[in-house]
Amino acid sequence: MGVISIRLNKDEEKILKKLSEHFHEDKSALVKKSLYELYENILDLDEIKKFETKERKGKISFYTAEDILKIS
C-alpha cells in the first residue's frame, strides 16, 4: 500500500477536521472516498458524452410507459 503526504493550509485542515467529525470517518478514509467520487464523476461524464454523441446521430429512441406495457 502506498503512502502519500498531503500538505494542507489552515483552512483546508479545518475543512477536513469538520468533515471527519461530521461523517465519523478518519481523514484518510475521507480522502480516499473523495478520490473515488471524483473518478466516478469522470466515468459518468464519459458515458454522458457517448450518449449525447449517439443522440446527435439519431441512434437513440425512447419508449413511453404505455409502449412498454403494450410489448409485455
PDB file of N, CA and C in Angstrom:
ATOM      1  N   MET A   1       0.841  -1.166   0.000  1.00  0.00           N
ATOM      2  CA  MET A   1       0.000   0.000   0.000  1.00  0.00           C
ATOM      3  C   MET A   1       0.888   1.232   0.000  1.00  0.00           C
ATOM      4  N   GLY A   2       0.589   2.148  -0.881  1.00  0.00           N
ATOM      5  CA  GLY A   2       1.364   3.376  -0.961  1.00  0.00           C
ATOM      6  C   GLY A   2       0.965   4.374   0.110  1.00  0.00           C
ATOM      7  N   VAL A   3       1.922   5.154   0.518  1.00  0.00           N
ATOM      8  CA  VAL A   3       1.679   6.208   1.499  1.00  0.00           C
ATOM      9  C   VAL A   3       2.042   7.521   0.841  1.00  0.00           C
ATOM     10  N   ILE A   4       1.136   8.503   0.962  1.00  0.00           N
ATOM     11  CA  ILE A   4       1.431   9.820   0.418  1.00  0.00           C
ATOM     12  C   ILE A   4       1.309  10.858   1.521  1.00  0.00           C
ATOM     13  N   SER A   5       1.943  11.962   1.302  1.00  0.00           N
ATOM     14  CA  SER A   5       1.875  13.074   2.237  1.00  0.00           C
ATOM     15  C   SER A   5       1.117  14.202   1.546  1.00  0.00           C
ATOM     16  N   ILE A   6       0.166  14.788   2.251  1.00  0.00           N
ATOM     17  CA  ILE A   6      -0.619  15.880   1.678  1.00  0.00           C
ATOM     18  C   ILE A   6      -0.409  17.119   2.539  1.00  0.00           C
ATOM     19  N   ARG A   7      -0.056  18.203   1.878  1.00  0.00           N
ATOM     20  CA  ARG A   7       0.113  19.466   2.596  1.00  0.00           C
ATOM     21  C   ARG A   7      -1.200  20.235   2.515  1.00  0.00           C
ATOM     22  N   LEU A   8      -1.699  20.645   3.667  1.00  0.00           N
ATOM     23  CA  LEU A   8      -2.933  21.414   3.734  1.00  0.00           C
ATOM     24  C   LEU A   8      -2.666  22.738   4.413  1.00  0.00           C
ATOM     25  N   ASN A   9      -3.322  23.791   3.907  1.00  0.00           N
ATOM     26  CA  ASN A   9      -3.216  25.056   4.632  1.00  0.00           C
ATOM     27  C   ASN A   9      -4.208  25.020   5.798  1.00  0.00           C
ATOM     28  N   LYS A  10      -4.250  26.060   6.602  1.00  0.00           N
ATOM     29  CA  LYS A  10      -5.076  26.050   7.806  1.00  0.00           C
ATOM     30  C   LYS A  10      -6.560  25.892   7.483  1.00  0.00           C
ATOM     31  N   ASP A  11      -7.028  26.554   6.432  1.00  0.00           N
ATOM     32  CA  ASP A  11      -8.442  26.440   6.064  1.00  0.00           C
ATOM     33  C   ASP A  11      -8.781  25.024   5.613  1.00  0.00           C
ATOM     34  N   GLU A  12      -7.902  24.420   4.843  1.00  0.00           N
ATOM     35  CA  GLU A  12      -8.120  23.048   4.379  1.00  0.00           C
ATOM     36  C   GLU A  12      -8.110  22.070   5.554  1.00  0.00           C
ATOM     37  N   GLU A  13      -7.223  22.314   6.521  1.00  0.00           N
ATOM     38  CA  GLU A  13      -7.179  21.473   7.719  1.00  0.00           C
ATOM     39  C   GLU A  13      -8.487  21.558   8.489  1.00  0.00           C
ATOM     40  N   LYS A  14      -9.029  22.778   8.617  1.00  0.00           N
ATOM     41  CA  LYS A  14     -10.305  22.965   9.320  1.00  0.00           C
ATOM     42  C   LYS A  14     -11.430  22.222   8.597  1.00  0.00           C
ATOM     43  N   ILE A  15     -11.442  22.323   7.289  1.00  0.00           N
ATOM     44  CA  ILE A  15     -12.478  21.653   6.494  1.00  0.00           C
ATOM     45  C   ILE A  15     -12.390  20.147   6.687  1.00  0.00           C
ATOM     46  N   LEU A  16     -11.189  19.601   6.580  1.00  0.00           N
ATOM     47  CA  LEU A  16     -11.013  18.153   6.724  1.00  0.00           C
ATOM     48  C   LEU A  16     -11.397  17.683   8.124  1.00  0.00           C
ATOM     49  N   LYS A  17     -11.046  18.468   9.126  1.00  0.00           N
ATOM     50  CA  LYS A  17     -11.413  18.122  10.507  1.00  0.00           C
ATOM     51  C   LYS A  17     -12.925  18.128  10.666  1.00  0.00           C
ATOM     52  N   LYS A  18     -13.585  19.150  10.133  1.00  0.00           N
ATOM     53  CA  LYS A  18     -15.047  19.251  10.239  1.00  0.00           C
ATOM     54  C   LYS A  18     -15.714  18.080   9.514  1.00  0.00           C
ATOM     55  N   LEU A  19     -15.236  17.740   8.332  1.00  0.00           N
ATOM     56  CA  LEU A  19     -15.786  16.610   7.586  1.00  0.00           C
ATOM     57  C   LEU A  19     -15.584  15.304   8.352  1.00  0.00           C
ATOM     58  N   SER A  20     -14.412  15.150   8.927  1.00  0.00           N
ATOM     59  CA  SER A  20     -14.097  13.948   9.689  1.00  0.00           C
ATOM     60  C   SER A  20     -15.056  13.789  10.874  1.00  0.00           C
ATOM     61  N   GLU A  21     -15.310  14.876  11.550  1.00  0.00           N
ATOM     62  CA  GLU A  21     -16.234  14.839  12.694  1.00  0.00           C
ATOM     63  C   GLU A  21     -17.669  14.594  12.224  1.00  0.00           C
ATOM     64  N   HIS A  22     -18.056  15.254  11.161  1.00  0.00           N
ATOM     65  CA  HIS A  22     -19.435  15.134  10.671  1.00  0.00           C
ATOM     66  C   HIS A  22     -19.748  13.721  10.182  1.00  0.00           C
ATOM     67  N   PHE A  23     -18.841  13.135   9.402  1.00  0.00           N
ATOM     68  CA  PHE A  23     -19.079  11.814   8.822  1.00  0.00           C
ATOM     69  C   PHE A  23     -18.567  10.669   9.701  1.00  0.00           C
ATOM     70  N   HIS A  24     -17.937  11.007  10.812  1.00  0.00           N
ATOM     71  CA  HIS A  24     -17.373   9.999  11.724  1.00  0.00           C
ATOM     72  C   HIS A  24     -16.432   9.054  10.966  1.00  0.00           C
ATOM     73  N   GLU A  25     -15.576   9.653  10.166  1.00  0.00           N
ATOM     74  CA  GLU A  25     -14.588   8.901   9.379  1.00  0.00           C
ATOM     75  C   GLU A  25     -13.219   9.509   9.643  1.00  0.00           C
ATOM     76  N   ASP A  26     -12.189   8.671   9.545  1.00  0.00           N
ATOM     77  CA  ASP A  26     -10.859   9.254   9.692  1.00  0.00           C
ATOM     78  C   ASP A  26     -10.500  10.014   8.414  1.00  0.00           C
ATOM     79  N   LYS A  27      -9.525  10.860   8.538  1.00  0.00           N
ATOM     80  CA  LYS A  27      -9.167  11.759   7.432  1.00  0.00           C
ATOM     81  C   LYS A  27      -8.719  10.991   6.198  1.00  0.00           C
ATOM     82  N   SER A  28      -7.989   9.922   6.403  1.00  0.00           N
ATOM     83  CA  SER A  28      -7.522   9.112   5.287  1.00  0.00           C
ATOM     84  C   SER A  28      -8.697   8.531   4.500  1.00  0.00           C
ATOM     85  N   ALA A  29      -9.703   8.034   5.224  1.00  0.00           N
ATOM     86  CA  ALA A  29     -10.883   7.457   4.568  1.00  0.00           C
ATOM     87  C   ALA A  29     -11.624   8.516   3.753  1.00  0.00           C
ATOM     88  N   LEU A  30     -11.694   9.730   4.274  1.00  0.00           N
ATOM     89  CA  LEU A  30     -12.366  10.811   3.554  1.00  0.00           C
ATOM     90  C   LEU A  30     -11.637  11.166   2.261  1.00  0.00           C
ATOM     91  N   VAL A  31     -10.319  11.196   2.319  1.00  0.00           N
ATOM     92  CA  VAL A  31      -9.540  11.500   1.114  1.00  0.00           C
ATOM     93  C   VAL A  31      -9.757  10.397   0.077  1.00  0.00           C
ATOM     94  N   LYS A  32      -9.720   9.144   0.504  1.00  0.00           N
ATOM     95  CA  LYS A  32      -9.941   8.019  -0.413  1.00  0.00           C
ATOM     96  C   LYS A  32     -11.340   8.083  -1.023  1.00  0.00           C
ATOM     97  N   LYS A  33     -12.339   8.360  -0.185  1.00  0.00           N
ATOM     98  CA  LYS A  33     -13.715   8.454  -0.666  1.00  0.00           C
ATOM     99  C   LYS A  33     -13.840   9.572  -1.703  1.00  0.00           C
ATOM    100  N   SER A  34     -13.183  10.687  -1.452  1.00  0.00           N
ATOM    101  CA  SER A  34     -13.215  11.809  -2.393  1.00  0.00           C
ATOM    102  C   SER A  34     -12.592  11.433  -3.732  1.00  0.00           C
ATOM    103  N   LEU A  35     -11.505  10.676  -3.683  1.00  0.00           N
ATOM    104  CA  LEU A  35     -10.859  10.227  -4.922  1.00  0.00           C
ATOM    105  C   LEU A  35     -11.803   9.356  -5.741  1.00  0.00           C
ATOM    106  N   TYR A  36     -12.465   8.410  -5.064  1.00  0.00           N
ATOM    107  CA  TYR A  36     -13.406   7.533  -5.770  1.00  0.00           C
ATOM    108  C   TYR A  36     -14.564   8.320  -6.366  1.00  0.00           C
ATOM    109  N   GLU A  37     -15.071   9.307  -5.629  1.00  0.00           N
ATOM    110  CA  GLU A  37     -16.186  10.100  -6.132  1.00  0.00           C
ATOM    111  C   GLU A  37     -15.770  10.942  -7.336  1.00  0.00           C
ATOM    112  N   LEU A  38     -14.574  11.514  -7.294  1.00  0.00           N
ATOM    113  CA  LEU A  38     -14.083  12.279  -8.439  1.00  0.00           C
ATOM    114  C   LEU A  38     -13.897  11.383  -9.657  1.00  0.00           C
ATOM    115  N   TYR A  39     -13.367  10.185  -9.436  1.00  0.00           N
ATOM    116  CA  TYR A  39     -13.175   9.239 -10.534  1.00  0.00           C
ATOM    117  C   TYR A  39     -14.526   8.810 -11.105  1.00  0.00           C
ATOM    118  N   GLU A  40     -15.488   8.573 -10.232  1.00  0.00           N
ATOM    119  CA  GLU A  40     -16.829   8.203 -10.681  1.00  0.00           C
ATOM    120  C   GLU A  40     -17.438   9.322 -11.528  1.00  0.00           C
ATOM    121  N   ASN A  41     -17.197  10.562 -11.155  1.00  0.00           N
ATOM    122  CA  ASN A  41     -17.689  11.695 -11.941  1.00  0.00           C
ATOM    123  C   ASN A  41     -17.113  11.678 -13.353  1.00  0.00           C
ATOM    124  N   ILE A  42     -15.836  11.359 -13.474  1.00  0.00           N
ATOM    125  CA  ILE A  42     -15.202  11.285 -14.790  1.00  0.00           C
ATOM    126  C   ILE A  42     -15.856  10.195 -15.634  1.00  0.00           C
ATOM    127  N   LEU A  43     -16.068   9.024 -15.038  1.00  0.00           N
ATOM    128  CA  LEU A  43     -16.705   7.923 -15.759  1.00  0.00           C
ATOM    129  C   LEU A  43     -18.126   8.306 -16.188  1.00  0.00           C
ATOM    130  N   ASP A  44     -18.861   8.963 -15.293  1.00  0.00           N
ATOM    131  CA  ASP A  44     -20.218   9.400 -15.626  1.00  0.00           C
ATOM    132  C   ASP A  44     -20.210  10.378 -16.799  1.00  0.00           C
ATOM    133  N   LEU A  45     -19.286  11.328 -16.764  1.00  0.00           N
ATOM    134  CA  LEU A  45     -19.199  12.311 -17.852  1.00  0.00           C
ATOM    135  C   LEU A  45     -18.859  11.644 -19.179  1.00  0.00           C
ATOM    136  N   ASP A  46     -18.013  10.628 -19.153  1.00  0.00           N
ATOM    137  CA  ASP A  46     -17.695   9.879 -20.371  1.00  0.00           C
ATOM    138  C   ASP A  46     -18.941   9.206 -20.936  1.00  0.00           C
ATOM    139  N   GLU A  47     -19.744   8.601 -20.070  1.00  0.00           N
ATOM    140  CA  GLU A  47     -20.977   7.944 -20.520  1.00  0.00           C
ATOM    141  C   GLU A  47     -21.962   8.963 -21.081  1.00  0.00           C
ATOM    142  N   ILE A  48     -22.044  10.120 -20.453  1.00  0.00           N
ATOM    143  CA  ILE A  48     -22.930  11.175 -20.949  1.00  0.00           C
ATOM    144  C   ILE A  48     -22.500  11.618 -22.338  1.00  0.00           C
ATOM    145  N   LYS A  49     -21.193  11.794 -22.539  1.00  0.00           N
ATOM    146  CA  LYS A  49     -20.681  12.196 -23.852  1.00  0.00           C
ATOM    147  C   LYS A  49     -21.024  11.151 -24.913  1.00  0.00           C
ATOM    148  N   LYS A  50     -20.866   9.862 -24.565  1.00  0.00           N
ATOM    149  CA  LYS A  50     -21.205   8.793 -25.502  1.00  0.00           C
ATOM    150  C   LYS A  50     -22.688   8.839 -25.858  1.00  0.00           C
ATOM    151  N   PHE A  51     -23.529   9.026 -24.850  1.00  0.00           N
ATOM    152  CA  PHE A  51     -24.968   9.094 -25.073  1.00  0.00           C
ATOM    153  C   PHE A  51     -25.309  10.272 -25.971  1.00  0.00           C
ATOM    154  N   GLU A  52     -24.739  11.440 -25.671  1.00  0.00           N
ATOM    155  CA  GLU A  52     -25.043  12.635 -26.463  1.00  0.00           C
ATOM    156  C   GLU A  52     -24.589  12.486 -27.906  1.00  0.00           C
ATOM    157  N   THR A  53     -23.468  11.807 -28.127  1.00  0.00           N
ATOM    158  CA  THR A  53     -22.995  11.553 -29.489  1.00  0.00           C
ATOM    159  C   THR A  53     -23.991  10.678 -30.236  1.00  0.00           C
ATOM    160  N   LYS A  54     -24.448   9.607 -29.597  1.00  0.00           N
ATOM    161  CA  LYS A  54     -25.452   8.727 -30.217  1.00  0.00           C
ATOM    162  C   LYS A  54     -26.755   9.486 -30.470  1.00  0.00           C
ATOM    163  N   GLU A  55     -27.120  10.335 -29.527  1.00  0.00           N
ATOM    164  CA  GLU A  55     -28.364  11.097 -29.659  1.00  0.00           C
ATOM    165  C   GLU A  55     -28.294  12.046 -30.855  1.00  0.00           C
ATOM    166  N   ARG A  56     -27.149  12.716 -31.035  1.00  0.00           N
ATOM    167  CA  ARG A  56     -26.975  13.629 -32.176  1.00  0.00           C
ATOM    168  C   ARG A  56     -27.051  12.880 -33.504  1.00  0.00           C
ATOM    169  N   LYS A  57     -26.587  11.633 -33.489  1.00  0.00           N
ATOM    170  CA  LYS A  57     -26.611  10.821 -34.716  1.00  0.00           C
ATOM    171  C   LYS A  57     -27.975  10.172 -34.950  1.00  0.00           C
ATOM    172  N   GLY A  58     -28.911  10.396 -34.040  1.00  0.00           N
ATOM    173  CA  GLY A  58     -30.247   9.839 -34.184  1.00  0.00           C
ATOM    174  C   GLY A  58     -30.330   8.363 -33.855  1.00  0.00           C
ATOM    175  N   LYS A  59     -29.381   7.860 -33.098  1.00  0.00           N
ATOM    176  CA  LYS A  59     -29.349   6.431 -32.769  1.00  0.00           C
ATOM    177  C   LYS A  59     -30.008   6.126 -31.417  1.00  0.00           C
ATOM    178  N   ILE A  60     -30.693   7.104 -30.851  1.00  0.00           N
ATOM    179  CA  ILE A  60     -31.334   6.937 -29.551  1.00  0.00           C
ATOM    180  C   ILE A  60     -32.848   7.011 -29.747  1.00  0.00           C
ATOM    181  N   SER A  61     -33.549   6.089 -29.111  1.00  0.00           N
ATOM    182  CA  SER A  61     -35.005   6.159 -29.137  1.00  0.00           C
ATOM    183  C   SER A  61     -35.529   5.918 -27.731  1.00  0.00           C
ATOM    184  N   PHE A  62     -36.675   6.476 -27.473  1.00  0.00           N
ATOM    185  CA  PHE A  62     -37.282   6.355 -26.157  1.00  0.00           C
ATOM    186  C   PHE A  62     -38.643   5.690 -26.282  1.00  0.00           C
ATOM    187  N   TYR A  63     -39.026   4.986 -25.235  1.00  0.00           N
ATOM    188  CA  TYR A  63     -40.334   4.342 -25.176  1.00  0.00           C
ATOM    189  C   TYR A  63     -41.110   4.938 -24.011  1.00  0.00           C
ATOM    190  N   THR A  64     -42.390   5.158 -24.218  1.00  0.00           N
ATOM    191  CA  THR A  64     -43.239   5.599 -23.119  1.00  0.00           C
ATOM    192  C   THR A  64     -43.599   4.386 -22.276  1.00  0.00           C
ATOM    193  N   ALA A  65     -44.133   4.646 -21.097  1.00  0.00           N
ATOM    194  CA  ALA A  65     -44.577   3.547 -20.231  1.00  0.00           C
ATOM    195  C   ALA A  65     -45.671   2.750 -20.929  1.00  0.00           C
ATOM    196  N   GLU A  66     -46.529   3.437 -21.651  1.00  0.00           N
ATOM    197  CA  GLU A  66     -47.613   2.750 -22.377  1.00  0.00           C
ATOM    198  C   GLU A  66     -47.054   1.809 -23.426  1.00  0.00           C
ATOM    199  N   ASP A  67     -46.007   2.269 -24.133  1.00  0.00           N
ATOM    200  CA  ASP A  67     -45.368   1.414 -25.145  1.00  0.00           C
ATOM    201  C   ASP A  67     -44.799   0.150 -24.522  1.00  0.00           C
ATOM    202  N   ILE A  68     -44.166   0.301 -23.394  1.00  0.00           N
ATOM    203  CA  ILE A  68     -43.561  -0.833 -22.708  1.00  0.00           C
ATOM    204  C   ILE A  68     -44.638  -1.822 -22.263  1.00  0.00           C
ATOM    205  N   LEU A  69     -45.737  -1.301 -21.745  1.00  0.00           N
ATOM    206  CA  LEU A  69     -46.814  -2.170 -21.291  1.00  0.00           C
ATOM    207  C   LEU A  69     -47.467  -2.925 -22.451  1.00  0.00           C
ATOM    208  N   LYS A  70     -47.503  -2.296 -23.628  1.00  0.00           N
ATOM    209  CA  LYS A  70     -48.071  -2.960 -24.813  1.00  0.00           C
ATOM    210  C   LYS A  70     -47.188  -4.125 -25.242  1.00  0.00           C
ATOM    211  N   ILE A  71     -45.892  -3.983 -25.114  1.00  0.00           N
ATOM    212  CA  ILE A  71     -44.932  -5.016 -25.515  1.00  0.00           C
ATOM    213  C   ILE A  71     -45.020  -6.218 -24.582  1.00  0.00           C
ATOM    214  N   SER A  72     -45.224  -5.956 -23.301  1.00  0.00           N
ATOM    215  CA  SER A  72     -45.221  -7.032 -22.281  1.00  0.00           C
ATOM    216  C   SER A  72     -46.373  -7.985 -22.442  1.00  0.00           C
TER     217      SER A  72
END
